[in-house]
Amino acid sequence: MRCKAIIEAMLENGFCDSKRHNPNDYITHVTNATKRLEEALQAVKKHEDVADLVATMFEEGFCDPESQTDPQEWMMFAETAIAELKVV
């Protein structure tokens, strides 16, 4: 799985929260994010490097669970970062 590092970083930093999301929503959001990020990383030549960099961005506060409460926002930001970084 190309996006594993990103998903782990997102989860560790508040992408989903057991207080805000029931187990079914949690599963749905993680599955959705995995599908979308895997698709975004398919066209990236050095996907490991890009995935590591995007994961680091989340570890450093790229998204804040207080400001970005919707998991869709996190996914969109990750997709945008991948799209921008793949050309570097």
C-alpha atoms as a PDB file:
ATOM      1  CA  MET A   1       0.000   0.000   0.000  1.00  0.00           C
ATOM      2  CA  ARG A   2       1.583   3.248  -1.181  1.00  0.00           C
ATOM      3  CA  CYS A   3      -0.306   5.542   1.169  1.00  0.00           C
ATOM      4  CA  LYS A   4       0.226   3.668   4.442  1.00  0.00           C
ATOM      5  CA  ALA A   5       2.557   6.298   5.933  1.00  0.00           C
ATOM      6  CA  ILE A   6       0.110   9.085   5.104  1.00  0.00           C
ATOM      7  CA  ILE A   7      -2.917   7.268   6.553  1.00  0.00           C
ATOM      8  CA  GLU A   8      -1.012   6.423   9.742  1.00  0.00           C
ATOM      9  CA  ALA A   9       0.125  10.037  10.164  1.00  0.00           C
ATOM     10  CA  MET A  10      -3.388  11.315   9.537  1.00  0.00           C
ATOM     11  CA  LEU A  11      -4.865   8.932  12.129  1.00  0.00           C
ATOM     12  CA  GLU A  12      -2.195   9.736  14.709  1.00  0.00           C
ATOM     13  CA  ASN A  13      -2.905  13.436  14.307  1.00  0.00           C
ATOM     14  CA  GLY A  14      -6.696  13.537  14.521  1.00  0.00           C
ATOM     15  CA  PHE A  15      -8.100  12.584  11.093  1.00  0.00           C
ATOM     16  CA  CYS A  16     -10.705  10.445  12.836  1.00  0.00           C
ATOM     17  CA  ASP A  17     -11.657  10.560  16.484  1.00  0.00           C
ATOM     18  CA  SER A  18     -13.644   8.019  18.457  1.00  0.00           C
ATOM     19  CA  LYS A  19     -15.501  10.871  20.170  1.00  0.00           C
ATOM     20  CA  ARG A  20     -16.659  12.422  16.881  1.00  0.00           C
ATOM     21  CA  HIS A  21     -16.951   9.356  14.673  1.00  0.00           C
ATOM     22  CA  ASN A  22     -18.750   6.100  15.287  1.00  0.00           C
ATOM     23  CA  PRO A  23     -16.944   2.895  14.236  1.00  0.00           C
ATOM     24  CA  ASN A  24     -18.767   2.682  10.891  1.00  0.00           C
ATOM     25  CA  ASP A  25     -17.866   6.272   9.987  1.00  0.00           C
ATOM     26  CA  TYR A  26     -14.290   5.654  11.102  1.00  0.00           C
ATOM     27  CA  ILE A  27     -14.015   2.652   8.776  1.00  0.00           C
ATOM     28  CA  THR A  28     -15.681   4.533   5.930  1.00  0.00           C
ATOM     29  CA  HIS A  29     -13.358   7.540   6.232  1.00  0.00           C
ATOM     30  CA  VAL A  30     -10.208   5.430   6.424  1.00  0.00           C
ATOM     31  CA  THR A  31     -11.292   3.259   3.485  1.00  0.00           C
ATOM     32  CA  ASN A  32     -12.228   6.322   1.436  1.00  0.00           C
ATOM     33  CA  ALA A  33      -8.933   8.043   2.211  1.00  0.00           C
ATOM     34  CA  THR A  34      -6.958   4.925   1.331  1.00  0.00           C
ATOM     35  CA  LYS A  35      -8.678   4.561  -2.036  1.00  0.00           C
ATOM     36  CA  ARG A  36      -8.281   8.226  -2.926  1.00  0.00           C
ATOM     37  CA  LEU A  37      -4.651   8.474  -1.842  1.00  0.00           C
ATOM     38  CA  GLU A  38      -3.688   5.208  -3.530  1.00  0.00           C
ATOM     39  CA  GLU A  39      -5.169   6.569  -6.748  1.00  0.00           C
ATOM     40  CA  ALA A  40      -3.344   9.877  -6.330  1.00  0.00           C
ATOM     41  CA  LEU A  41      -0.020   8.101  -5.747  1.00  0.00           C
ATOM     42  CA  GLN A  42      -0.334   5.749  -8.724  1.00  0.00           C
ATOM     43  CA  ALA A  43       1.036   8.287 -11.177  1.00  0.00           C
ATOM     44  CA  VAL A  44       3.900   9.367  -8.916  1.00  0.00           C
ATOM     45  CA  LYS A  45       7.313   8.003  -9.923  1.00  0.00           C
ATOM     46  CA  LYS A  46       8.870   8.276  -6.459  1.00  0.00           C
ATOM     47  CA  HIS A  47       5.704   7.583  -4.499  1.00  0.00           C
ATOM     48  CA  GLU A  48       7.623   6.513  -1.372  1.00  0.00           C
ATOM     49  CA  ASP A  49       9.333   9.886  -1.137  1.00  0.00           C
ATOM     50  CA  VAL A  50       6.131  11.824  -1.758  1.00  0.00           C
ATOM     51  CA  ALA A  51       4.141   9.688   0.717  1.00  0.00           C
ATOM     52  CA  ASP A  52       6.819  10.170   3.390  1.00  0.00           C
ATOM     53  CA  LEU A  53       6.843  13.921   2.846  1.00  0.00           C
ATOM     54  CA  VAL A  54       3.043  14.216   3.010  1.00  0.00           C
ATOM     55  CA  ALA A  55       3.018  12.040   6.140  1.00  0.00           C
ATOM     56  CA  THR A  56       5.604  14.341   7.710  1.00  0.00           C
ATOM     57  CA  MET A  57       3.415  17.314   6.879  1.00  0.00           C
ATOM     58  CA  PHE A  58       0.560  15.759   8.872  1.00  0.00           C
ATOM     59  CA  GLU A  59       2.924  14.888  11.727  1.00  0.00           C
ATOM     60  CA  GLU A  60       3.972  18.535  11.836  1.00  0.00           C
ATOM     61  CA  GLY A  61       0.413  19.864  12.018  1.00  0.00           C
ATOM     62  CA  PHE A  62      -0.567  20.163   8.343  1.00  0.00           C
ATOM     63  CA  CYS A  63      -4.180  19.706   9.475  1.00  0.00           C
ATOM     64  CA  ASP A  64      -5.576  20.486  12.882  1.00  0.00           C
ATOM     65  CA  PRO A  65      -8.509  18.404  14.147  1.00  0.00           C
ATOM     66  CA  GLU A  66      -9.958  21.518  15.775  1.00  0.00           C
ATOM     67  CA  SER A  67      -9.872  23.570  12.561  1.00  0.00           C
ATOM     68  CA  GLN A  68     -10.408  20.811  10.006  1.00  0.00           C
ATOM     69  CA  THR A  69     -13.088  18.672  11.627  1.00  0.00           C
ATOM     70  CA  ASP A  70     -14.283  17.090   8.371  1.00  0.00           C
ATOM     71  CA  PRO A  71     -12.167  14.100   7.262  1.00  0.00           C
ATOM     72  CA  GLN A  72     -12.941  15.053   3.653  1.00  0.00           C
ATOM     73  CA  GLU A  73     -10.823  18.184   4.128  1.00  0.00           C
ATOM     74  CA  TRP A  74      -7.861  16.078   5.246  1.00  0.00           C
ATOM     75  CA  MET A  75      -8.219  13.873   2.181  1.00  0.00           C
ATOM     76  CA  MET A  76      -8.457  16.877  -0.128  1.00  0.00           C
ATOM     77  CA  PHE A  77      -5.369  18.491   1.410  1.00  0.00           C
ATOM     78  CA  ALA A  78      -3.405  15.221   1.081  1.00  0.00           C
ATOM     79  CA  GLU A  79      -4.457  14.821  -2.562  1.00  0.00           C
ATOM     80  CA  THR A  80      -3.451  18.411  -3.288  1.00  0.00           C
ATOM     81  CA  ALA A  81      -0.063  17.942  -1.621  1.00  0.00           C
ATOM     82  CA  ILE A  82       0.554  14.785  -3.647  1.00  0.00           C
ATOM     83  CA  ALA A  83      -0.434  16.536  -6.876  1.00  0.00           C
ATOM     84  CA  GLU A  84       1.924  19.418  -6.177  1.00  0.00           C
ATOM     85  CA  LEU A  85       4.825  17.284  -4.987  1.00  0.00           C
ATOM     86  CA  LYS A  86       4.729  14.730  -7.788  1.00  0.00           C
ATOM     87  CA  VAL A  87       6.148  17.270 -10.224  1.00  0.00           C
ATOM     88  CA  VAL A  88       9.185  18.060  -8.077  1.00  0.00           C
END
